[in-house]
Amino acid sequence: AEADAATAVVEKLHGALIESMKLGEKGGYSGRAEHLGPIVNATFDFPTIARFVVGRSWAQLPADRQSTFLQIFEDLSTGTYADRFDSYDNETFRTLSAEQQKQGYQLVKTELVTGDGEIVKFSYLLHPVEGNWRIVNVIADGVSDLSLKRADYAAVIKSGGFDALIAKLRKQVADQRSAADS
């Protein structure tokens, strides 16, 4: 039952991504982001992800700074999906398996089959939050998004502080929007 519930969350995200691709150019970046936002926010555990990617300095941040980061991070995540899943060419997602992990996590393994038959493997690590499964990590072709972000964000915090990280993420969100509008 847990594996089925975790799989349903991933399949909900996949369904929204296919719909986003079908919106394509006519929906535009803004339309795709508006469509994906509620689903991305309902399927990911952004508070847990934020604590991990920011690292040790998260606990020292005042609540308002944590809240600011969380909002920008959610916007960036939604925008990234809207940007990357922007056109449809008969892509399909297939769920391969769901496996129980340590500490009550579930790992849902899937693949995206592109229109020309290329396969991209996606694994999702989920955990329960208040009775609902939420994604905490996406592993694309063996590369952990969580680990990449943590390393990147740690370097930015180390060199410029938390404000530099906020500025970097704000710029990424703005760049996504302006690139999509041009």
C-alpha atoms as a PDB file:
ATOM      1  CA  ALA A   1       0.000   0.000   0.000  1.00  0.00           C
ATOM      2  CA  GLU A   2       2.840   2.432   0.808  1.00  0.00           C
ATOM      3  CA  ALA A   3       4.542   1.670  -2.501  1.00  0.00           C
ATOM      4  CA  ASP A   4       1.252   2.243  -4.341  1.00  0.00           C
ATOM      5  CA  ALA A   5       0.668   5.569  -2.556  1.00  0.00           C
ATOM      6  CA  ALA A   6       4.228   6.761  -3.274  1.00  0.00           C
ATOM      7  CA  THR A   7       3.925   5.655  -6.909  1.00  0.00           C
ATOM      8  CA  ALA A   8       0.631   7.574  -7.250  1.00  0.00           C
ATOM      9  CA  VAL A   9       2.418  10.809  -6.230  1.00  0.00           C
ATOM     10  CA  VAL A  10       5.102  10.307  -8.893  1.00  0.00           C
ATOM     11  CA  GLU A  11       2.499   9.436 -11.515  1.00  0.00           C
ATOM     12  CA  LYS A  12       0.539  12.596 -10.613  1.00  0.00           C
ATOM     13  CA  LEU A  13       3.704  14.636 -11.281  1.00  0.00           C
ATOM     14  CA  HIS A  14       4.342  12.752 -14.527  1.00  0.00           C
ATOM     15  CA  GLY A  15       0.775  13.369 -15.702  1.00  0.00           C
ATOM     16  CA  ALA A  16       1.198  17.090 -15.063  1.00  0.00           C
ATOM     17  CA  LEU A  17       4.523  17.115 -16.938  1.00  0.00           C
ATOM     18  CA  ILE A  18       2.906  15.463 -19.980  1.00  0.00           C
ATOM     19  CA  GLU A  19       0.076  18.041 -19.821  1.00  0.00           C
ATOM     20  CA  SER A  20       2.704  20.808 -19.608  1.00  0.00           C
ATOM     21  CA  MET A  21       4.462  19.457 -22.689  1.00  0.00           C
ATOM     22  CA  LYS A  22       1.144  19.350 -24.531  1.00  0.00           C
ATOM     23  CA  LEU A  23       0.499  23.002 -23.557  1.00  0.00           C
ATOM     24  CA  GLY A  24       3.833  23.736 -25.232  1.00  0.00           C
ATOM     25  CA  GLU A  25       4.235  27.025 -27.050  1.00  0.00           C
ATOM     26  CA  LYS A  26       0.539  27.899 -26.960  1.00  0.00           C
ATOM     27  CA  GLY A  27       0.572  27.756 -23.160  1.00  0.00           C
ATOM     28  CA  GLY A  28       3.866  29.581 -23.029  1.00  0.00           C
ATOM     29  CA  TYR A  29       6.242  29.448 -20.108  1.00  0.00           C
ATOM     30  CA  SER A  30       3.806  31.311 -17.837  1.00  0.00           C
ATOM     31  CA  GLY A  31       0.915  28.984 -18.662  1.00  0.00           C
ATOM     32  CA  ARG A  32       3.037  25.898 -18.083  1.00  0.00           C
ATOM     33  CA  ALA A  33       4.388  27.279 -14.792  1.00  0.00           C
ATOM     34  CA  GLU A  34       0.875  28.209 -13.650  1.00  0.00           C
ATOM     35  CA  HIS A  35      -0.337  24.699 -14.517  1.00  0.00           C
ATOM     36  CA  LEU A  36       2.599  22.952 -12.822  1.00  0.00           C
ATOM     37  CA  GLY A  37       2.908  25.107  -9.683  1.00  0.00           C
ATOM     38  CA  PRO A  38       0.136  23.521  -7.593  1.00  0.00           C
ATOM     39  CA  ILE A  39       1.163  19.985  -8.571  1.00  0.00           C
ATOM     40  CA  VAL A  40       4.876  20.558  -7.952  1.00  0.00           C
ATOM     41  CA  ASN A  41       4.076  22.104  -4.561  1.00  0.00           C
ATOM     42  CA  ALA A  42       1.752  19.202  -3.678  1.00  0.00           C
ATOM     43  CA  THR A  43       4.203  16.460  -4.667  1.00  0.00           C
ATOM     44  CA  PHE A  44       7.531  17.801  -3.299  1.00  0.00           C
ATOM     45  CA  ASP A  45       8.536  18.318   0.341  1.00  0.00           C
ATOM     46  CA  PHE A  46      10.213  21.681  -0.146  1.00  0.00           C
ATOM     47  CA  PRO A  47      10.852  22.390   3.582  1.00  0.00           C
ATOM     48  CA  THR A  48      12.873  19.166   3.907  1.00  0.00           C
ATOM     49  CA  ILE A  49      14.662  19.741   0.601  1.00  0.00           C
ATOM     50  CA  ALA A  50      15.513  23.333   1.618  1.00  0.00           C
ATOM     51  CA  ARG A  51      17.028  22.225   4.935  1.00  0.00           C
ATOM     52  CA  PHE A  52      19.191  19.706   3.106  1.00  0.00           C
ATOM     53  CA  VAL A  53      20.373  21.873   0.199  1.00  0.00           C
ATOM     54  CA  VAL A  54      21.188  24.873   2.407  1.00  0.00           C
ATOM     55  CA  GLY A  55      23.002  22.641   4.897  1.00  0.00           C
ATOM     56  CA  ARG A  56      24.210  23.595   8.350  1.00  0.00           C
ATOM     57  CA  SER A  57      23.446  27.280   7.979  1.00  0.00           C
ATOM     58  CA  TRP A  58      19.684  26.588   7.654  1.00  0.00           C
ATOM     59  CA  ALA A  59      19.217  26.274  11.416  1.00  0.00           C
ATOM     60  CA  GLN A  60      20.837  29.678  12.018  1.00  0.00           C
ATOM     61  CA  LEU A  61      18.558  31.505   9.584  1.00  0.00           C
ATOM     62  CA  PRO A  62      15.669  33.499  11.010  1.00  0.00           C
ATOM     63  CA  ALA A  63      12.206  32.221  10.036  1.00  0.00           C
ATOM     64  CA  ASP A  64      11.627  35.085   7.566  1.00  0.00           C
ATOM     65  CA  ARG A  65      14.864  34.265   5.692  1.00  0.00           C
ATOM     66  CA  GLN A  66      13.922  30.583   5.586  1.00  0.00           C
ATOM     67  CA  SER A  67      10.508  31.559   4.233  1.00  0.00           C
ATOM     68  CA  THR A  68      12.080  33.804   1.568  1.00  0.00           C
ATOM     69  CA  PHE A  69      14.390  30.998   0.459  1.00  0.00           C
ATOM     70  CA  LEU A  70      11.544  28.498   0.371  1.00  0.00           C
ATOM     71  CA  GLN A  71       9.380  30.717  -1.859  1.00  0.00           C
ATOM     72  CA  ILE A  72      12.183  31.432  -4.331  1.00  0.00           C
ATOM     73  CA  PHE A  73      13.243  27.773  -4.342  1.00  0.00           C
ATOM     74  CA  GLU A  74       9.652  26.648  -5.071  1.00  0.00           C
ATOM     75  CA  ASP A  75       9.403  29.211  -7.908  1.00  0.00           C
ATOM     76  CA  LEU A  76      12.726  28.032  -9.337  1.00  0.00           C
ATOM     77  CA  SER A  77      11.701  24.360  -9.151  1.00  0.00           C
ATOM     78  CA  THR A  78       8.355  24.980 -10.847  1.00  0.00           C
ATOM     79  CA  GLY A  79      10.039  27.195 -13.442  1.00  0.00           C
ATOM     80  CA  THR A  80      12.643  24.559 -14.201  1.00  0.00           C
ATOM     81  CA  TYR A  81       9.928  22.010 -14.963  1.00  0.00           C
ATOM     82  CA  ALA A  82       7.981  24.559 -17.052  1.00  0.00           C
ATOM     83  CA  ASP A  83      11.178  25.356 -18.963  1.00  0.00           C
ATOM     84  CA  ARG A  84      12.326  21.766 -19.568  1.00  0.00           C
ATOM     85  CA  PHE A  85       8.960  20.143 -20.292  1.00  0.00           C
ATOM     86  CA  ASP A  86       7.903  22.638 -22.945  1.00  0.00           C
ATOM     87  CA  SER A  87       6.951  20.593 -26.022  1.00  0.00           C
ATOM     88  CA  TYR A  88       5.333  17.247 -26.712  1.00  0.00           C
ATOM     89  CA  ASP A  89       6.546  14.605 -29.155  1.00  0.00           C
ATOM     90  CA  ASN A  90       4.725  11.468 -27.976  1.00  0.00           C
ATOM     91  CA  GLU A  91       6.802  11.189 -24.788  1.00  0.00           C
ATOM     92  CA  THR A  92       5.601   8.715 -22.179  1.00  0.00           C
ATOM     93  CA  PHE A  93       6.564   7.995 -18.604  1.00  0.00           C
ATOM     94  CA  ARG A  94       6.706   4.403 -17.383  1.00  0.00           C
ATOM     95  CA  THR A  95       6.789   3.349 -13.758  1.00  0.00           C
ATOM     96  CA  LEU A  96       9.207   0.447 -13.334  1.00  0.00           C
ATOM     97  CA  SER A  97       9.154  -0.319  -9.608  1.00  0.00           C
ATOM     98  CA  ALA A  98       8.758   0.988  -6.087  1.00  0.00           C
ATOM     99  CA  GLU A  99      11.164  -0.188  -3.410  1.00  0.00           C
ATOM    100  CA  GLN A 100      11.070   0.221   0.358  1.00  0.00           C
ATOM    101  CA  GLN A 101      14.160   2.080   1.616  1.00  0.00           C
ATOM    102  CA  LYS A 102      15.612   2.674   5.070  1.00  0.00           C
ATOM    103  CA  GLN A 103      13.812   4.954   7.533  1.00  0.00           C
ATOM    104  CA  GLY A 104      10.429   4.566   5.835  1.00  0.00           C
ATOM    105  CA  TYR A 105      11.402   6.051   2.474  1.00  0.00           C
ATOM    106  CA  GLN A 106      10.191   4.718  -0.871  1.00  0.00           C
ATOM    107  CA  LEU A 107      12.222   4.776  -4.099  1.00  0.00           C
ATOM    108  CA  VAL A 108      10.053   4.920  -7.224  1.00  0.00           C
ATOM    109  CA  LYS A 109      11.956   4.055 -10.404  1.00  0.00           C
ATOM    110  CA  THR A 110      10.614   5.325 -13.710  1.00  0.00           C
ATOM    111  CA  GLU A 111      11.708   6.190 -17.189  1.00  0.00           C
ATOM    112  CA  LEU A 112      10.793   8.791 -19.743  1.00  0.00           C
ATOM    113  CA  VAL A 113      10.621   7.454 -23.274  1.00  0.00           C
ATOM    114  CA  THR A 114      11.134  10.304 -25.751  1.00  0.00           C
ATOM    115  CA  GLY A 115       9.408  10.526 -29.099  1.00  0.00           C
ATOM    116  CA  ASP A 116      12.471   9.091 -30.826  1.00  0.00           C
ATOM    117  CA  GLY A 117      12.769   6.195 -28.362  1.00  0.00           C
ATOM    118  CA  GLU A 118      15.536   7.558 -26.145  1.00  0.00           C
ATOM    119  CA  ILE A 119      15.148   6.506 -22.500  1.00  0.00           C
ATOM    120  CA  VAL A 120      15.886   8.786 -19.561  1.00  0.00           C
ATOM    121  CA  LYS A 121      15.783   7.091 -16.164  1.00  0.00           C
ATOM    122  CA  PHE A 122      14.257   8.968 -13.232  1.00  0.00           C
ATOM    123  CA  SER A 123      14.149   7.711  -9.665  1.00  0.00           C
ATOM    124  CA  TYR A 124      12.233   9.549  -6.974  1.00  0.00           C
ATOM    125  CA  LEU A 125      12.920   9.279  -3.258  1.00  0.00           C
ATOM    126  CA  LEU A 126       9.796   9.941  -1.218  1.00  0.00           C
ATOM    127  CA  HIS A 127       8.914  10.034   2.450  1.00  0.00           C
ATOM    128  CA  PRO A 128       5.648  10.453   4.346  1.00  0.00           C
ATOM    129  CA  VAL A 129       4.668  13.942   5.518  1.00  0.00           C
ATOM    130  CA  GLU A 130       1.505  14.231   7.596  1.00  0.00           C
ATOM    131  CA  GLY A 131       0.047  11.108   6.000  1.00  0.00           C
ATOM    132  CA  ASN A 132       0.981  12.004   2.413  1.00  0.00           C
ATOM    133  CA  TRP A 133       3.985  10.923   0.355  1.00  0.00           C
ATOM    134  CA  ARG A 134       6.269  13.728  -0.817  1.00  0.00           C
ATOM    135  CA  ILE A 135       9.280  13.725  -3.138  1.00  0.00           C
ATOM    136  CA  VAL A 136      12.576  14.723  -1.496  1.00  0.00           C
ATOM    137  CA  ASN A 137      15.018  13.831  -4.275  1.00  0.00           C
ATOM    138  CA  VAL A 138      15.006  13.252  -8.023  1.00  0.00           C
ATOM    139  CA  ILE A 139      17.776  11.147  -9.512  1.00  0.00           C
ATOM    140  CA  ALA A 140      18.051  11.565 -13.292  1.00  0.00           C
ATOM    141  CA  ASP A 141      20.207   8.985 -15.054  1.00  0.00           C
ATOM    142  CA  GLY A 142      21.973   8.284 -11.754  1.00  0.00           C
ATOM    143  CA  VAL A 143      22.634  11.929 -10.810  1.00  0.00           C
ATOM    144  CA  SER A 144      21.055  13.210  -7.587  1.00  0.00           C
ATOM    145  CA  ASP A 145      19.495  16.657  -7.942  1.00  0.00           C
ATOM    146  CA  LEU A 146      19.681  17.089  -4.164  1.00  0.00           C
ATOM    147  CA  SER A 147      23.425  16.433  -4.060  1.00  0.00           C
ATOM    148  CA  LEU A 148      24.116  18.777  -6.989  1.00  0.00           C
ATOM    149  CA  LYS A 149      22.157  21.601  -5.393  1.00  0.00           C
ATOM    150  CA  ARG A 150      23.726  21.080  -1.974  1.00  0.00           C
ATOM    151  CA  ALA A 151      27.258  21.294  -3.413  1.00  0.00           C
ATOM    152  CA  ASP A 152      26.386  24.318  -5.562  1.00  0.00           C
ATOM    153  CA  TYR A 153      24.575  26.172  -2.782  1.00  0.00           C
ATOM    154  CA  ALA A 154      27.290  25.425  -0.199  1.00  0.00           C
ATOM    155  CA  ALA A 155      29.893  26.966  -2.499  1.00  0.00           C
ATOM    156  CA  VAL A 156      27.783  30.100  -2.988  1.00  0.00           C
ATOM    157  CA  ILE A 157      27.108  30.437   0.757  1.00  0.00           C
ATOM    158  CA  LYS A 158      30.784  29.922   1.559  1.00  0.00           C
ATOM    159  CA  SER A 159      31.951  32.597  -0.891  1.00  0.00           C
ATOM    160  CA  GLY A 160      29.177  35.175  -0.556  1.00  0.00           C
ATOM    161  CA  GLY A 161      26.851  34.234   2.274  1.00  0.00           C
ATOM    162  CA  PHE A 162      23.165  33.427   2.295  1.00  0.00           C
ATOM    163  CA  ASP A 163      22.241  36.728   0.589  1.00  0.00           C
ATOM    164  CA  ALA A 164      24.402  35.722  -2.387  1.00  0.00           C
ATOM    165  CA  LEU A 165      22.483  32.451  -2.642  1.00  0.00           C
ATOM    166  CA  ILE A 166      19.127  34.266  -2.574  1.00  0.00           C
ATOM    167  CA  ALA A 167      20.392  36.669  -5.278  1.00  0.00           C
ATOM    168  CA  LYS A 168      21.599  33.747  -7.422  1.00  0.00           C
ATOM    169  CA  LEU A 169      18.245  31.938  -7.202  1.00  0.00           C
ATOM    170  CA  ARG A 170      16.295  35.149  -7.913  1.00  0.00           C
ATOM    171  CA  LYS A 171      18.446  35.679 -11.013  1.00  0.00           C
ATOM    172  CA  GLN A 172      17.825  32.096 -12.162  1.00  0.00           C
ATOM    173  CA  VAL A 173      14.053  32.586 -11.815  1.00  0.00           C
ATOM    174  CA  ALA A 174      14.229  35.908 -13.693  1.00  0.00           C
ATOM    175  CA  ASP A 175      16.407  34.349 -16.412  1.00  0.00           C
ATOM    176  CA  GLN A 176      13.920  31.496 -16.890  1.00  0.00           C
ATOM    177  CA  ARG A 177      11.072  33.958 -17.286  1.00  0.00           C
ATOM    178  CA  SER A 178      12.910  36.299 -19.646  1.00  0.00           C
ATOM    179  CA  ALA A 179      14.291  33.482 -21.815  1.00  0.00           C
ATOM    180  CA  ALA A 180      10.797  32.057 -22.124  1.00  0.00           C
ATOM    181  CA  ASP A 181       9.333  35.443 -23.064  1.00  0.00           C
ATOM    182  CA  SER A 182      11.872  36.123 -25.811  1.00  0.00           C
END
